[in-house]
C-alpha atoms as a PDB file:
ATOM      1  CA  MET A   1      46.120 -54.329 -20.653  1.00  0.00           C
ATOM      2  CA  THR A   2      42.688 -52.898 -19.939  1.00  0.00           C
ATOM      3  CA  CYS A   3      41.923 -50.330 -17.267  1.00  0.00           C
ATOM      4  CA  ASN A   4      40.803 -51.861 -13.978  1.00  0.00           C
ATOM      5  CA  ALA A   5      38.037 -50.019 -12.118  1.00  0.00           C
ATOM      6  CA  GLU A   6      39.718 -50.108  -8.721  1.00  0.00           C
ATOM      7  CA  GLU A   7      43.009 -48.920 -10.194  1.00  0.00           C
ATOM      8  CA  ILE A   8      41.276 -46.075 -12.011  1.00  0.00           C
ATOM      9  CA  LYS A   9      39.640 -44.980  -8.785  1.00  0.00           C
ATOM     10  CA  GLU A  10      42.834 -45.318  -6.735  1.00  0.00           C
ATOM     11  CA  ARG A  11      45.115 -43.618  -9.245  1.00  0.00           C
ATOM     12  CA  LEU A  12      42.784 -40.689  -9.886  1.00  0.00           C
ATOM     13  CA  SER A  13      42.055 -40.267  -6.172  1.00  0.00           C
ATOM     14  CA  ASN A  14      45.765 -40.107  -5.443  1.00  0.00           C
ATOM     15  CA  ALA A  15      46.466 -37.753  -8.341  1.00  0.00           C
ATOM     16  CA  TYR A  16      43.835 -35.118  -7.626  1.00  0.00           C
ATOM     17  CA  LYS A  17      42.512 -33.169  -4.676  1.00  0.00           C
ATOM     18  CA  LEU A  18      38.934 -32.290  -5.533  1.00  0.00           C
ATOM     19  CA  ASN A  19      37.374 -28.988  -4.530  1.00  0.00           C
ATOM     20  CA  PRO A  20      33.566 -28.829  -4.240  1.00  0.00           C
ATOM     21  CA  SER A  21      33.637 -25.370  -5.811  1.00  0.00           C
ATOM     22  CA  ASP A  22      34.770 -26.998  -9.067  1.00  0.00           C
ATOM     23  CA  PHE A  23      31.407 -28.751  -9.356  1.00  0.00           C
ATOM     24  CA  ILE A  24      28.515 -26.318  -9.252  1.00  0.00           C
ATOM     25  CA  ALA A  25      25.756 -28.868  -8.604  1.00  0.00           C
ATOM     26  CA  TYR A  26      27.665 -30.487  -5.749  1.00  0.00           C
ATOM     27  CA  GLN A  27      28.594 -27.151  -4.220  1.00  0.00           C
ATOM     28  CA  VAL A  28      25.007 -25.893  -4.313  1.00  0.00           C
ATOM     29  CA  CYS A  29      23.810 -29.156  -2.795  1.00  0.00           C
ATOM     30  CA  LEU A  30      26.305 -28.909   0.064  1.00  0.00           C
ATOM     31  CA  GLU A  31      25.446 -25.273   0.717  1.00  0.00           C
ATOM     32  CA  THR A  32      21.656 -25.358   0.376  1.00  0.00           C
ATOM     33  CA  HIS A  33      20.466 -28.986   0.548  1.00  0.00           C
ATOM     34  CA  ASP A  34      17.841 -27.841  -1.957  1.00  0.00           C
ATOM     35  CA  PRO A  35      17.283 -30.154  -4.963  1.00  0.00           C
ATOM     36  CA  PHE A  36      15.513 -27.426  -6.949  1.00  0.00           C
ATOM     37  CA  LYS A  37      18.492 -25.108  -6.622  1.00  0.00           C
ATOM     38  CA  VAL A  38      20.747 -27.976  -7.716  1.00  0.00           C
ATOM     39  CA  LEU A  39      18.490 -28.536 -10.721  1.00  0.00           C
ATOM     40  CA  ILE A  40      18.707 -24.890 -11.782  1.00  0.00           C
ATOM     41  CA  ALA A  41      22.473 -24.811 -11.200  1.00  0.00           C
ATOM     42  CA  THR A  42      22.823 -27.869 -13.430  1.00  0.00           C
ATOM     43  CA  VAL A  43      20.746 -26.266 -16.176  1.00  0.00           C
ATOM     44  CA  LEU A  44      22.988 -23.210 -15.968  1.00  0.00           C
ATOM     45  CA  SER A  45      26.088 -25.400 -16.310  1.00  0.00           C
ATOM     46  CA  GLN A  46      24.978 -26.831 -19.653  1.00  0.00           C
ATOM     47  CA  ASN A  47      27.588 -26.037 -22.335  1.00  0.00           C
ATOM     48  CA  THR A  48      29.533 -23.698 -20.081  1.00  0.00           C
ATOM     49  CA  SER A  49      32.072 -23.895 -17.282  1.00  0.00           C
ATOM     50  CA  ASP A  50      31.029 -24.514 -13.698  1.00  0.00           C
ATOM     51  CA  LYS A  51      32.747 -21.254 -12.756  1.00  0.00           C
ATOM     52  CA  LEU A  52      30.535 -19.205 -15.067  1.00  0.00           C
ATOM     53  CA  ALA A  53      27.490 -21.242 -14.077  1.00  0.00           C
ATOM     54  CA  GLY A  54      28.234 -20.486 -10.427  1.00  0.00           C
ATOM     55  CA  LYS A  55      28.480 -16.790 -11.163  1.00  0.00           C
ATOM     56  CA  ALA A  56      25.139 -16.877 -12.978  1.00  0.00           C
ATOM     57  CA  PHE A  57      23.519 -18.861 -10.167  1.00  0.00           C
ATOM     58  CA  LYS A  58      24.612 -16.354  -7.535  1.00  0.00           C
ATOM     59  CA  GLU A  59      23.297 -13.464  -9.613  1.00  0.00           C
ATOM     60  CA  LEU A  60      19.995 -15.252 -10.170  1.00  0.00           C
ATOM     61  CA  GLU A  61      19.707 -15.901  -6.452  1.00  0.00           C
ATOM     62  CA  LYS A  62      20.482 -12.264  -5.698  1.00  0.00           C
ATOM     63  CA  ARG A  63      18.121 -10.693  -8.230  1.00  0.00           C
ATOM     64  CA  ILE A  64      15.163 -13.066  -8.173  1.00  0.00           C
ATOM     65  CA  GLY A  65      15.688 -15.890  -5.716  1.00  0.00           C
ATOM     66  CA  VAL A  66      16.113 -19.462  -6.930  1.00  0.00           C
ATOM     67  CA  THR A  67      12.765 -20.871  -5.876  1.00  0.00           C
ATOM     68  CA  PRO A  68      10.051 -22.344  -8.089  1.00  0.00           C
ATOM     69  CA  GLN A  69       7.597 -19.657  -6.986  1.00  0.00           C
ATOM     70  CA  ASN A  70       9.891 -16.727  -7.755  1.00  0.00           C
ATOM     71  CA  LEU A  71      11.093 -18.060 -11.083  1.00  0.00           C
ATOM     72  CA  ALA A  72       7.611 -19.079 -12.226  1.00  0.00           C
ATOM     73  CA  LYS A  73       6.259 -15.560 -11.742  1.00  0.00           C
ATOM     74  CA  SER A  74       9.333 -13.790 -13.125  1.00  0.00           C
ATOM     75  CA  LYS A  75       9.588 -12.576 -16.682  1.00  0.00           C
ATOM     76  CA  ILE A  76      11.919 -14.435 -19.017  1.00  0.00           C
ATOM     77  CA  GLU A  77      13.729 -11.151 -19.650  1.00  0.00           C
ATOM     78  CA  GLU A  78      14.495 -10.796 -15.934  1.00  0.00           C
ATOM     79  CA  ILE A  79      15.894 -14.316 -15.736  1.00  0.00           C
ATOM     80  CA  ARG A  80      17.903 -13.772 -18.897  1.00  0.00           C
ATOM     81  CA  GLU A  81      19.528 -10.628 -17.554  1.00  0.00           C
ATOM     82  CA  ALA A  82      20.495 -12.378 -14.333  1.00  0.00           C
ATOM     83  CA  ILE A  83      22.153 -15.380 -15.999  1.00  0.00           C
ATOM     84  CA  LYS A  84      24.020 -13.702 -18.860  1.00  0.00           C
ATOM     85  CA  SER A  85      27.396 -14.891 -17.594  1.00  0.00           C
ATOM     86  CA  ALA A  86      26.406 -18.534 -18.129  1.00  0.00           C
ATOM     87  CA  GLY A  87      26.218 -18.461 -21.926  1.00  0.00           C
ATOM     88  CA  LEU A  88      23.233 -19.618 -23.991  1.00  0.00           C
ATOM     89  CA  TYR A  89      21.221 -17.434 -21.657  1.00  0.00           C
ATOM     90  CA  ASN A  90      18.332 -16.990 -24.073  1.00  0.00           C
ATOM     91  CA  SER A  91      17.480 -20.686 -24.199  1.00  0.00           C
ATOM     92  CA  LYS A  92      18.383 -21.290 -20.560  1.00  0.00           C
ATOM     93  CA  SER A  93      16.103 -18.523 -19.305  1.00  0.00           C
ATOM     94  CA  ILE A  94      13.183 -20.099 -21.175  1.00  0.00           C
ATOM     95  CA  LYS A  95      14.026 -23.542 -19.781  1.00  0.00           C
ATOM     96  CA  ILE A  96      14.265 -22.255 -16.211  1.00  0.00           C
ATOM     97  CA  LYS A  97      10.967 -20.396 -16.453  1.00  0.00           C
ATOM     98  CA  ARG A  98       9.126 -23.404 -17.897  1.00  0.00           C
ATOM     99  CA  ILE A  99      10.601 -25.861 -15.395  1.00  0.00           C
ATOM    100  CA  ALA A 100       9.505 -23.649 -12.510  1.00  0.00           C
ATOM    101  CA  GLU A 101       6.023 -23.146 -13.961  1.00  0.00           C
ATOM    102  CA  GLU A 102       5.476 -26.856 -14.563  1.00  0.00           C
ATOM    103  CA  LEU A 103       6.742 -27.778 -11.105  1.00  0.00           C
ATOM    104  CA  CYS A 104       4.312 -25.347  -9.530  1.00  0.00           C
ATOM    105  CA  GLN A 105       1.405 -26.443 -11.706  1.00  0.00           C
ATOM    106  CA  LYS A 106       1.864 -30.172 -11.158  1.00  0.00           C
ATOM    107  CA  TYR A 107       3.703 -30.555  -7.844  1.00  0.00           C
ATOM    108  CA  GLU A 108       2.813 -27.502  -5.752  1.00  0.00           C
ATOM    109  CA  CYS A 109       6.239 -25.961  -6.418  1.00  0.00           C
ATOM    110  CA  ASP A 110       7.917 -28.791  -4.495  1.00  0.00           C
ATOM    111  CA  ILE A 111      10.424 -31.004  -6.292  1.00  0.00           C
ATOM    112  CA  ASN A 112      10.411 -33.435  -3.368  1.00  0.00           C
ATOM    113  CA  LYS A 113       6.754 -34.176  -4.046  1.00  0.00           C
ATOM    114  CA  LEU A 114       7.847 -35.276  -7.507  1.00  0.00           C
ATOM    115  CA  ILE A 115      10.776 -37.437  -6.367  1.00  0.00           C
ATOM    116  CA  ASN A 116      10.154 -38.789  -2.872  1.00  0.00           C
ATOM    117  CA  GLY A 117       8.802 -42.318  -2.651  1.00  0.00           C
ATOM    118  CA  LEU A 118       9.570 -43.177  -6.256  1.00  0.00           C
ATOM    119  CA  LYS A 119      11.900 -45.791  -7.614  1.00  0.00           C
ATOM    120  CA  PRO A 120      14.953 -44.328  -9.386  1.00  0.00           C
ATOM    121  CA  GLU A 121      13.681 -45.127 -12.884  1.00  0.00           C
ATOM    122  CA  GLU A 122      10.278 -43.580 -12.135  1.00  0.00           C
ATOM    123  CA  ALA A 123      11.849 -40.426 -10.730  1.00  0.00           C
ATOM    124  CA  ARG A 124      14.162 -40.115 -13.729  1.00  0.00           C
ATOM    125  CA  ASN A 125      11.332 -40.522 -16.221  1.00  0.00           C
ATOM    126  CA  LEU A 126       9.268 -37.833 -14.503  1.00  0.00           C
ATOM    127  CA  LEU A 127      12.195 -35.405 -14.584  1.00  0.00           C
ATOM    128  CA  LEU A 128      12.787 -36.156 -18.247  1.00  0.00           C
ATOM    129  CA  ASP A 129       9.164 -35.254 -18.949  1.00  0.00           C
ATOM    130  CA  PHE A 130      10.035 -31.634 -18.121  1.00  0.00           C
ATOM    131  CA  GLU A 131      10.978 -29.535 -21.114  1.00  0.00           C
ATOM    132  CA  GLY A 132      14.567 -28.425 -20.591  1.00  0.00           C
ATOM    133  CA  ILE A 133      15.680 -31.384 -18.442  1.00  0.00           C
ATOM    134  CA  GLY A 134      17.868 -33.851 -20.295  1.00  0.00           C
ATOM    135  CA  GLU A 135      19.500 -37.087 -19.246  1.00  0.00           C
ATOM    136  CA  LYS A 136      22.616 -35.574 -17.711  1.00  0.00           C
ATOM    137  CA  THR A 137      20.691 -32.931 -15.778  1.00  0.00           C
ATOM    138  CA  ALA A 138      18.251 -35.504 -14.399  1.00  0.00           C
ATOM    139  CA  ASP A 139      21.059 -37.875 -13.435  1.00  0.00           C
ATOM    140  CA  VAL A 140      23.056 -35.136 -11.699  1.00  0.00           C
ATOM    141  CA  VAL A 141      20.077 -34.135  -9.538  1.00  0.00           C
ATOM    142  CA  LEU A 142      19.143 -37.717  -8.658  1.00  0.00           C
ATOM    143  CA  LEU A 143      22.704 -38.758  -7.812  1.00  0.00           C
ATOM    144  CA  THR A 144      23.793 -35.588  -6.032  1.00  0.00           C
ATOM    145  CA  CYS A 145      20.640 -34.861  -4.044  1.00  0.00           C
ATOM    146  CA  TYR A 146      18.935 -38.222  -3.629  1.00  0.00           C
ATOM    147  CA  ASN A 147      21.860 -40.659  -3.834  1.00  0.00           C
ATOM    148  CA  MET A 148      20.098 -42.605  -6.564  1.00  0.00           C
ATOM    149  CA  PRO A 149      22.270 -45.004  -8.612  1.00  0.00           C
ATOM    150  CA  TYR A 150      23.038 -42.885 -11.648  1.00  0.00           C
ATOM    151  CA  LEU A 151      26.382 -41.864 -13.092  1.00  0.00           C
ATOM    152  CA  PRO A 152      26.003 -38.687 -15.171  1.00  0.00           C
ATOM    153  CA  VAL A 153      28.102 -38.354 -18.317  1.00  0.00           C
ATOM    154  CA  ASP A 154      29.349 -34.962 -19.443  1.00  0.00           C
ATOM    155  CA  THR A 155      31.643 -34.109 -22.346  1.00  0.00           C
ATOM    156  CA  HIS A 156      34.779 -34.818 -20.277  1.00  0.00           C
ATOM    157  CA  ILE A 157      33.607 -38.220 -19.072  1.00  0.00           C
ATOM    158  CA  LYS A 158      32.560 -39.097 -22.598  1.00  0.00           C
ATOM    159  CA  ARG A 159      36.026 -38.246 -23.938  1.00  0.00           C
ATOM    160  CA  VAL A 160      37.920 -40.020 -21.152  1.00  0.00           C
ATOM    161  CA  SER A 161      35.794 -43.162 -21.434  1.00  0.00           C
ATOM    162  CA  LYS A 162      36.338 -43.395 -25.177  1.00  0.00           C
ATOM    163  CA  ARG A 163      40.068 -42.703 -25.013  1.00  0.00           C
ATOM    164  CA  LEU A 164      40.599 -45.317 -22.330  1.00  0.00           C
ATOM    165  CA  GLY A 165      38.769 -47.801 -24.532  1.00  0.00           C
ATOM    166  CA  LEU A 166      36.000 -48.443 -22.020  1.00  0.00           C
ATOM    167  CA  VAL A 167      33.412 -47.867 -24.762  1.00  0.00           C
ATOM    168  CA  ASN A 168      33.542 -47.558 -28.540  1.00  0.00           C
ATOM    169  CA  GLU A 169      33.733 -44.237 -30.348  1.00  0.00           C
ATOM    170  CA  ARG A 170      30.034 -44.245 -31.229  1.00  0.00           C
ATOM    171  CA  ALA A 171      28.797 -45.050 -27.732  1.00  0.00           C
ATOM    172  CA  THR A 172      25.700 -43.149 -26.630  1.00  0.00           C
ATOM    173  CA  TYR A 173      25.110 -41.376 -23.325  1.00  0.00           C
ATOM    174  CA  ASN A 174      23.254 -44.358 -21.866  1.00  0.00           C
ATOM    175  CA  GLU A 175      25.849 -46.833 -23.113  1.00  0.00           C
ATOM    176  CA  ILE A 176      28.673 -44.899 -21.470  1.00  0.00           C
ATOM    177  CA  SER A 177      26.764 -44.423 -18.224  1.00  0.00           C
ATOM    178  CA  THR A 178      25.764 -48.089 -18.110  1.00  0.00           C
ATOM    179  CA  LYS A 179      29.348 -49.219 -18.671  1.00  0.00           C
ATOM    180  CA  LEU A 180      30.667 -46.993 -15.892  1.00  0.00           C
ATOM    181  CA  LYS A 181      27.931 -48.149 -13.507  1.00  0.00           C
ATOM    182  CA  GLN A 182      28.912 -51.735 -14.218  1.00  0.00           C
ATOM    183  CA  MET A 183      32.554 -50.967 -13.491  1.00  0.00           C
ATOM    184  CA  PHE A 184      32.226 -48.989 -10.286  1.00  0.00           C
ATOM    185  CA  LYS A 185      30.365 -49.553  -7.029  1.00  0.00           C
ATOM    186  CA  PRO A 186      27.192 -47.473  -6.454  1.00  0.00           C
ATOM    187  CA  ASN A 187      28.769 -45.830  -3.412  1.00  0.00           C
ATOM    188  CA  ASP A 188      31.536 -44.549  -5.696  1.00  0.00           C
ATOM    189  CA  TYR A 189      29.336 -43.100  -8.449  1.00  0.00           C
ATOM    190  CA  LEU A 190      29.493 -39.505  -7.205  1.00  0.00           C
ATOM    191  CA  LEU A 191      33.225 -39.664  -6.550  1.00  0.00           C
ATOM    192  CA  MET A 192      33.929 -41.175  -9.971  1.00  0.00           C
ATOM    193  CA  HIS A 193      31.680 -38.630 -11.653  1.00  0.00           C
ATOM    194  CA  HIS A 194      33.826 -35.868 -10.163  1.00  0.00           C
ATOM    195  CA  LEU A 195      37.180 -37.594 -10.663  1.00  0.00           C
ATOM    196  CA  LEU A 196      36.558 -38.371 -14.324  1.00  0.00           C
ATOM    197  CA  ILE A 197      35.372 -34.824 -15.005  1.00  0.00           C
ATOM    198  CA  HIS A 198      38.428 -33.366 -13.284  1.00  0.00           C
ATOM    199  CA  HIS A 199      40.731 -35.736 -15.149  1.00  0.00           C
ATOM    200  CA  GLY A 200      39.204 -34.612 -18.434  1.00  0.00           C
ATOM    201  CA  ARG A 201      39.567 -30.958 -17.519  1.00  0.00           C
ATOM    202  CA  VAL A 202      43.176 -30.926 -16.387  1.00  0.00           C
ATOM    203  CA  THR A 203      44.896 -33.888 -18.052  1.00  0.00           C
ATOM    204  CA  CYS A 204      42.821 -35.690 -20.691  1.00  0.00           C
ATOM    205  CA  LYS A 205      41.980 -32.445 -22.464  1.00  0.00           C
ATOM    206  CA  ALA A 206      40.140 -32.324 -25.768  1.00  0.00           C
ATOM    207  CA  LYS A 207      43.073 -30.585 -27.424  1.00  0.00           C
ATOM    208  CA  LYS A 208      46.665 -31.379 -26.501  1.00  0.00           C
ATOM    209  CA  PRO A 209      46.014 -33.949 -23.752  1.00  0.00           C
ATOM    210  CA  LEU A 210      48.846 -34.240 -21.239  1.00  0.00           C
ATOM    211  CA  CYS A 211      49.409 -37.946 -21.825  1.00  0.00           C
ATOM    212  CA  GLN A 212      52.940 -37.918 -20.401  1.00  0.00           C
ATOM    213  CA  ASN A 213      51.515 -36.764 -17.066  1.00  0.00           C
ATOM    214  CA  CYS A 214      48.563 -39.145 -17.065  1.00  0.00           C
ATOM    215  CA  VAL A 215      48.324 -41.767 -14.317  1.00  0.00           C
ATOM    216  CA  LEU A 216      46.169 -43.907 -16.603  1.00  0.00           C
ATOM    217  CA  SER A 217      48.416 -43.886 -19.673  1.00  0.00           C
ATOM    218  CA  TYR A 218      49.557 -47.450 -18.952  1.00  0.00           C
ATOM    219  CA  CYS A 219      46.097 -48.790 -19.855  1.00  0.00           C
ATOM    220  CA  CYS A 220      44.885 -46.111 -22.275  1.00  0.00           C
ATOM    221  CA  GLU A 221      44.096 -47.166 -25.831  1.00  0.00           C
ATOM    222  CA  TYR A 222      44.421 -43.595 -27.092  1.00  0.00           C
ATOM    223  CA  TYR A 223      47.910 -43.249 -25.624  1.00  0.00           C
ATOM    224  CA  SER A 224      48.844 -46.627 -27.050  1.00  0.00           C
ATOM    225  CA  ARG A 225      47.910 -45.457 -30.529  1.00  0.00           C
ATOM    226  CA  ILE A 226      49.673 -42.108 -30.429  1.00  0.00           C
ATOM    227  CA  SER A 227      52.802 -43.444 -28.722  1.00  0.00           C
ATOM    228  CA  GLY A 228      53.140 -46.436 -31.011  1.00  0.00           C
ATOM    229  CA  SER A 229      53.160 -48.868 -28.101  1.00  0.00           C
ATOM    230  CA  ARG A 230      51.020 -51.948 -28.025  1.00  0.00           C
ATOM    231  CA  ILE A 231      48.377 -52.811 -25.463  1.00  0.00           C
ATOM    232  CA  VAL A 232      47.516 -56.455 -25.081  1.00  0.00           C
ATOM    233  CA  LYS A 233      43.905 -56.771 -23.992  1.00  0.00           C
ATOM    234  CA  THR A 234      42.954 -59.265 -21.344  1.00  0.00           C
ATOM    235  CA  SER A 235      39.504 -60.685 -20.857  1.00  0.00           C
END
């Protein structure tokens, strides 16, 4: 059988108790209600854990202040020193500096002047025009801060989606995101983003997944293959 969207949501919701501190962008949004801070936190989380990204964010806030004005006028070396715990700090410090500079040059240092009043696709395209902002980062900011209908895909969601058989092994970011948006209701996008990430972190791990403990094993193509059982697909 194939995985049903409502069952995925229900089973994962019952299996896990989510903590906002496990999701740096969401935590920063709840604490600050500042989309720019969420943007920088998301950049810091690229290719590293949310825990280390959170540590780097706090240090950046302490040393420089996470505002477009402060970061735009800071030296790259100062930013780099503040975010060393995040990993890839050389490239991230350059990204953060350039994002802040461009925001100040084009939008008076105010990310809301970039986003407010725009349709979701227009807002996303403008964010993607910034050097250092990729699809996942843009989608996280737009979903988390502006409740726009995007479902960001990270490495965990990508792995879970492919193992469940929701998409094929060669599916792109946009193909995975589109499939998940078709499956789930817009009001559930943020919840499912967090649930699928958490599931990938604690159960559907990249190495040695805990399939015997998985609440979705009954409909998982990956588990079917490794266990030798047979899943009969339904249309």
